[in-house]
Amino acid sequence: SPPVLLCLLVCFFFGTAYSIDVPLFRWKKNAFLAALCIVIVRAITVQLTVFYHIQQYVLGRPVPFSRSLAFAIICMTLFVTVIALFKDIPDVDGDRDFGIQTMSVTLGKKRVFWLCISILLFAYGSAVVIGSSSSLLLSKLVTVTGHCILASILWFRATSVNLESRKS
């Protein structure tokens, strides 16, 4: 469908801009541009185009911009921002040696790690708030309980991470 084709083209463009080593590209050398690529592709383009495809071409419905779609885009933006920040934590020494100013190089591994954990906990908290507003009791219980459990697991696992160990 046209939305899926658009998704593939946008992913191809940003994937190329991120990776290819030619003038004006190789955006992964710049922390902001690298994060921007990840957010545009994973959080915005994929969410919008797949939603549009499913609504229009699978279900045959009109394509509304709903609260659930907005929430999905916001949550995915938070998650992919964390991915963009987390991916640089193990590479601080190499990034510093090659002059790549990631947030991990600038702020340090520990600060970036806990910033990421805080962002994820905020996302879980947002899901709890949204879930608690559901009119269906079962949905409310599953959403609130599930996200509280996942946030707790995240917190307890995060406290045991050794940032000096790549494996950890």
C-alpha atoms as a PDB file:
ATOM      1  CA  SER A   1       0.000   0.000   0.000  1.00  0.00           C
ATOM      2  CA  PRO A   2       1.145   3.606  -0.373  1.00  0.00           C
ATOM      3  CA  PRO A   3       1.654   4.047   3.402  1.00  0.00           C
ATOM      4  CA  VAL A   4       3.876   0.953   3.604  1.00  0.00           C
ATOM      5  CA  LEU A   5       5.837   2.101   0.548  1.00  0.00           C
ATOM      6  CA  LEU A   6       6.267   5.535   2.146  1.00  0.00           C
ATOM      7  CA  CYS A   7       7.473   3.853   5.347  1.00  0.00           C
ATOM      8  CA  LEU A   8      10.058   1.841   3.431  1.00  0.00           C
ATOM      9  CA  LEU A   9      11.290   4.919   1.547  1.00  0.00           C
ATOM     10  CA  VAL A  10      11.596   7.020   4.711  1.00  0.00           C
ATOM     11  CA  CYS A  11      13.376   4.152   6.505  1.00  0.00           C
ATOM     12  CA  PHE A  12      15.716   3.737   3.536  1.00  0.00           C
ATOM     13  CA  PHE A  13      16.533   7.461   3.426  1.00  0.00           C
ATOM     14  CA  PHE A  14      17.204   7.814   7.143  1.00  0.00           C
ATOM     15  CA  GLY A  15      19.037   4.481   7.324  1.00  0.00           C
ATOM     16  CA  THR A  16      21.276   5.644   4.498  1.00  0.00           C
ATOM     17  CA  ALA A  17      21.794   9.087   6.030  1.00  0.00           C
ATOM     18  CA  TYR A  18      22.676   7.405   9.315  1.00  0.00           C
ATOM     19  CA  SER A  19      25.181   4.952   7.858  1.00  0.00           C
ATOM     20  CA  ILE A  20      26.705   6.044   4.535  1.00  0.00           C
ATOM     21  CA  ASP A  21      30.072   7.771   4.721  1.00  0.00           C
ATOM     22  CA  VAL A  22      29.692  10.613   2.205  1.00  0.00           C
ATOM     23  CA  PRO A  23      29.571  14.408   2.716  1.00  0.00           C
ATOM     24  CA  LEU A  24      26.513  15.627   4.668  1.00  0.00           C
ATOM     25  CA  PHE A  25      25.681  12.107   5.799  1.00  0.00           C
ATOM     26  CA  ARG A  26      27.047   9.508   8.277  1.00  0.00           C
ATOM     27  CA  TRP A  27      24.686  11.010  10.831  1.00  0.00           C
ATOM     28  CA  LYS A  28      25.613   8.378  13.399  1.00  0.00           C
ATOM     29  CA  LYS A  29      28.752  10.437  14.052  1.00  0.00           C
ATOM     30  CA  ASN A  30      26.526  13.167  15.518  1.00  0.00           C
ATOM     31  CA  ALA A  31      24.606  12.122  18.639  1.00  0.00           C
ATOM     32  CA  PHE A  32      21.667  14.449  17.941  1.00  0.00           C
ATOM     33  CA  LEU A  33      21.275  13.429  14.288  1.00  0.00           C
ATOM     34  CA  ALA A  34      21.621   9.748  15.188  1.00  0.00           C
ATOM     35  CA  ALA A  35      18.886  10.043  17.816  1.00  0.00           C
ATOM     36  CA  LEU A  36      16.744  12.066  15.411  1.00  0.00           C
ATOM     37  CA  CYS A  37      17.012   9.306  12.775  1.00  0.00           C
ATOM     38  CA  ILE A  38      15.938   6.670  15.266  1.00  0.00           C
ATOM     39  CA  VAL A  39      13.003   8.748  16.536  1.00  0.00           C
ATOM     40  CA  ILE A  40      11.768   9.708  13.061  1.00  0.00           C
ATOM     41  CA  VAL A  41      11.880   6.133  11.784  1.00  0.00           C
ATOM     42  CA  ARG A  42      10.827   4.020  14.753  1.00  0.00           C
ATOM     43  CA  ALA A  43       8.590   6.347  16.748  1.00  0.00           C
ATOM     44  CA  ILE A  44       6.892   8.413  14.079  1.00  0.00           C
ATOM     45  CA  THR A  45       7.120   6.941  10.585  1.00  0.00           C
ATOM     46  CA  VAL A  46       6.471   3.309  11.485  1.00  0.00           C
ATOM     47  CA  GLN A  47       3.658   4.161  13.909  1.00  0.00           C
ATOM     48  CA  LEU A  48       1.828   6.475  11.496  1.00  0.00           C
ATOM     49  CA  THR A  49       2.240   4.481   8.302  1.00  0.00           C
ATOM     50  CA  VAL A  50       1.395   1.083   9.790  1.00  0.00           C
ATOM     51  CA  PHE A  51      -1.640   2.581  11.563  1.00  0.00           C
ATOM     52  CA  TYR A  52      -2.759   4.204   8.298  1.00  0.00           C
ATOM     53  CA  HIS A  53      -2.213   0.955   6.369  1.00  0.00           C
ATOM     54  CA  ILE A  54      -4.172  -1.151   8.865  1.00  0.00           C
ATOM     55  CA  GLN A  55      -7.059   1.330   9.124  1.00  0.00           C
ATOM     56  CA  GLN A  56      -7.403   2.070   5.411  1.00  0.00           C
ATOM     57  CA  TYR A  57      -6.210  -1.050   3.581  1.00  0.00           C
ATOM     58  CA  VAL A  58      -6.915  -3.878   6.027  1.00  0.00           C
ATOM     59  CA  LEU A  59      -9.991  -2.735   7.957  1.00  0.00           C
ATOM     60  CA  GLY A  60     -11.363  -0.368   5.290  1.00  0.00           C
ATOM     61  CA  ARG A  61     -12.012   2.365   7.855  1.00  0.00           C
ATOM     62  CA  PRO A  62     -11.360   6.094   7.771  1.00  0.00           C
ATOM     63  CA  VAL A  63      -8.073   7.114   9.333  1.00  0.00           C
ATOM     64  CA  PRO A  64      -8.655   9.195  12.464  1.00  0.00           C
ATOM     65  CA  PHE A  65      -5.823  10.669  14.464  1.00  0.00           C
ATOM     66  CA  SER A  66      -6.883   9.109  17.755  1.00  0.00           C
ATOM     67  CA  ARG A  67      -5.709   9.531  21.346  1.00  0.00           C
ATOM     68  CA  SER A  68      -4.389   5.972  21.302  1.00  0.00           C
ATOM     69  CA  LEU A  69      -2.271   6.720  18.234  1.00  0.00           C
ATOM     70  CA  ALA A  70      -0.913   9.885  19.860  1.00  0.00           C
ATOM     71  CA  PHE A  71      -0.143   7.934  23.025  1.00  0.00           C
ATOM     72  CA  ALA A  72       1.632   5.220  21.014  1.00  0.00           C
ATOM     73  CA  ILE A  73       3.764   7.820  19.229  1.00  0.00           C
ATOM     74  CA  ILE A  74       4.658   9.552  22.496  1.00  0.00           C
ATOM     75  CA  CYS A  75       5.525   6.269  24.237  1.00  0.00           C
ATOM     76  CA  MET A  76       7.564   5.055  21.282  1.00  0.00           C
ATOM     77  CA  THR A  77       9.369   8.399  21.180  1.00  0.00           C
ATOM     78  CA  LEU A  78      10.341   7.900  24.827  1.00  0.00           C
ATOM     79  CA  PHE A  79      11.406   4.296  24.241  1.00  0.00           C
ATOM     80  CA  VAL A  80      13.475   5.004  21.132  1.00  0.00           C
ATOM     81  CA  THR A  81      15.087   8.006  22.818  1.00  0.00           C
ATOM     82  CA  VAL A  82      16.197   5.596  25.528  1.00  0.00           C
ATOM     83  CA  ILE A  83      17.463   3.178  22.870  1.00  0.00           C
ATOM     84  CA  ALA A  84      19.435   6.003  21.227  1.00  0.00           C
ATOM     85  CA  LEU A  85      21.006   6.939  24.572  1.00  0.00           C
ATOM     86  CA  PHE A  86      21.561   3.393  25.867  1.00  0.00           C
ATOM     87  CA  LYS A  87      23.346   2.254  22.711  1.00  0.00           C
ATOM     88  CA  ASP A  88      26.184   4.697  23.384  1.00  0.00           C
ATOM     89  CA  ILE A  89      26.849   3.723  27.016  1.00  0.00           C
ATOM     90  CA  PRO A  90      29.134   0.734  26.233  1.00  0.00           C
ATOM     91  CA  ASP A  91      31.040   2.737  23.583  1.00  0.00           C
ATOM     92  CA  VAL A  92      32.135   5.733  25.681  1.00  0.00           C
ATOM     93  CA  ASP A  93      35.864   5.037  25.311  1.00  0.00           C
ATOM     94  CA  GLY A  94      35.693   4.563  21.536  1.00  0.00           C
ATOM     95  CA  ASP A  95      33.414   7.552  21.052  1.00  0.00           C
ATOM     96  CA  ARG A  96      35.731   9.735  23.152  1.00  0.00           C
ATOM     97  CA  ASP A  97      38.791   8.510  21.185  1.00  0.00           C
ATOM     98  CA  PHE A  98      37.115   9.321  17.855  1.00  0.00           C
ATOM     99  CA  GLY A  99      35.758  12.686  19.019  1.00  0.00           C
ATOM    100  CA  ILE A 100      32.093  11.685  18.949  1.00  0.00           C
ATOM    101  CA  GLN A 101      30.294  13.746  21.584  1.00  0.00           C
ATOM    102  CA  THR A 102      27.502  11.481  22.741  1.00  0.00           C
ATOM    103  CA  MET A 103      25.568  12.233  25.908  1.00  0.00           C
ATOM    104  CA  SER A 104      27.408   9.322  27.539  1.00  0.00           C
ATOM    105  CA  VAL A 105      30.734  10.982  26.751  1.00  0.00           C
ATOM    106  CA  THR A 106      29.519  14.406  27.862  1.00  0.00           C
ATOM    107  CA  LEU A 107      27.541  13.492  30.990  1.00  0.00           C
ATOM    108  CA  GLY A 108      29.039  10.136  31.906  1.00  0.00           C
ATOM    109  CA  LYS A 109      27.666   6.599  31.811  1.00  0.00           C
ATOM    110  CA  LYS A 110      25.978   6.720  35.193  1.00  0.00           C
ATOM    111  CA  ARG A 111      24.008   9.926  34.559  1.00  0.00           C
ATOM    112  CA  VAL A 112      22.851   8.792  31.125  1.00  0.00           C
ATOM    113  CA  PHE A 113      21.917   5.342  32.445  1.00  0.00           C
ATOM    114  CA  TRP A 114      19.747   6.793  35.224  1.00  0.00           C
ATOM    115  CA  LEU A 115      18.281   9.388  32.850  1.00  0.00           C
ATOM    116  CA  CYS A 116      17.190   6.492  30.618  1.00  0.00           C
ATOM    117  CA  ILE A 117      15.742   4.566  33.555  1.00  0.00           C
ATOM    118  CA  SER A 118      13.850   7.709  34.602  1.00  0.00           C
ATOM    119  CA  ILE A 119      12.440   8.159  31.091  1.00  0.00           C
ATOM    120  CA  LEU A 120      11.279   4.541  31.031  1.00  0.00           C
ATOM    121  CA  LEU A 121       9.707   4.847  34.482  1.00  0.00           C
ATOM    122  CA  PHE A 122       7.927   7.994  33.281  1.00  0.00           C
ATOM    123  CA  ALA A 123       6.591   6.028  30.292  1.00  0.00           C
ATOM    124  CA  TYR A 124       5.361   3.246  32.573  1.00  0.00           C
ATOM    125  CA  GLY A 125       3.785   5.828  34.887  1.00  0.00           C
ATOM    126  CA  SER A 126       2.039   7.452  31.938  1.00  0.00           C
ATOM    127  CA  ALA A 127       0.690   4.078  30.870  1.00  0.00           C
ATOM    128  CA  VAL A 128      -0.618   3.522  34.404  1.00  0.00           C
ATOM    129  CA  VAL A 129      -2.403   6.889  34.361  1.00  0.00           C
ATOM    130  CA  ILE A 130      -3.893   6.294  30.906  1.00  0.00           C
ATOM    131  CA  GLY A 131      -4.794   2.698  31.799  1.00  0.00           C
ATOM    132  CA  SER A 132      -6.527   3.766  34.988  1.00  0.00           C
ATOM    133  CA  SER A 133      -8.835   5.975  32.943  1.00  0.00           C
ATOM    134  CA  SER A 134     -10.183   2.997  30.991  1.00  0.00           C
ATOM    135  CA  SER A 135     -13.910   2.396  31.264  1.00  0.00           C
ATOM    136  CA  LEU A 136     -13.366  -1.388  31.250  1.00  0.00           C
ATOM    137  CA  LEU A 137     -12.473  -2.776  34.674  1.00  0.00           C
ATOM    138  CA  LEU A 138     -10.453  -5.719  33.304  1.00  0.00           C
ATOM    139  CA  SER A 139      -8.460  -3.435  31.011  1.00  0.00           C
ATOM    140  CA  LYS A 140      -7.855  -1.054  33.891  1.00  0.00           C
ATOM    141  CA  LEU A 141      -6.642  -3.860  36.193  1.00  0.00           C
ATOM    142  CA  VAL A 142      -4.382  -5.501  33.620  1.00  0.00           C
ATOM    143  CA  THR A 143      -2.874  -2.227  32.409  1.00  0.00           C
ATOM    144  CA  VAL A 144      -2.246  -0.711  35.830  1.00  0.00           C
ATOM    145  CA  THR A 145      -1.016  -3.932  37.446  1.00  0.00           C
ATOM    146  CA  GLY A 146       1.082  -4.962  34.454  1.00  0.00           C
ATOM    147  CA  HIS A 147       2.850  -1.627  34.079  1.00  0.00           C
ATOM    148  CA  CYS A 148       3.462  -1.356  37.836  1.00  0.00           C
ATOM    149  CA  ILE A 149       5.039  -4.820  37.812  1.00  0.00           C
ATOM    150  CA  LEU A 150       7.166  -4.002  34.749  1.00  0.00           C
ATOM    151  CA  ALA A 151       8.299  -0.678  36.248  1.00  0.00           C
ATOM    152  CA  SER A 152       9.251  -2.465  39.486  1.00  0.00           C
ATOM    153  CA  ILE A 153      11.236  -5.098  37.597  1.00  0.00           C
ATOM    154  CA  LEU A 154      12.994  -2.336  35.643  1.00  0.00           C
ATOM    155  CA  TRP A 155      13.920  -0.471  38.830  1.00  0.00           C
ATOM    156  CA  PHE A 156      15.219  -3.522  40.674  1.00  0.00           C
ATOM    157  CA  ARG A 157      17.178  -4.798  37.658  1.00  0.00           C
ATOM    158  CA  ALA A 158      18.636  -1.323  37.028  1.00  0.00           C
ATOM    159  CA  THR A 159      20.029  -1.149  40.564  1.00  0.00           C
ATOM    160  CA  SER A 160      22.109  -4.274  39.888  1.00  0.00           C
ATOM    161  CA  VAL A 161      23.736  -3.068  36.645  1.00  0.00           C
ATOM    162  CA  ASN A 162      27.500  -2.620  36.740  1.00  0.00           C
ATOM    163  CA  LEU A 163      28.194   0.116  34.189  1.00  0.00           C
ATOM    164  CA  GLU A 164      31.856  -0.888  33.947  1.00  0.00           C
ATOM    165  CA  SER A 165      30.904  -4.357  32.703  1.00  0.00           C
ATOM    166  CA  ARG A 166      29.843  -4.561  29.046  1.00  0.00           C
ATOM    167  CA  LYS A 167      28.042  -7.817  29.775  1.00  0.00           C
ATOM    168  CA  SER A 168      26.081  -6.262  32.643  1.00  0.00           C
END
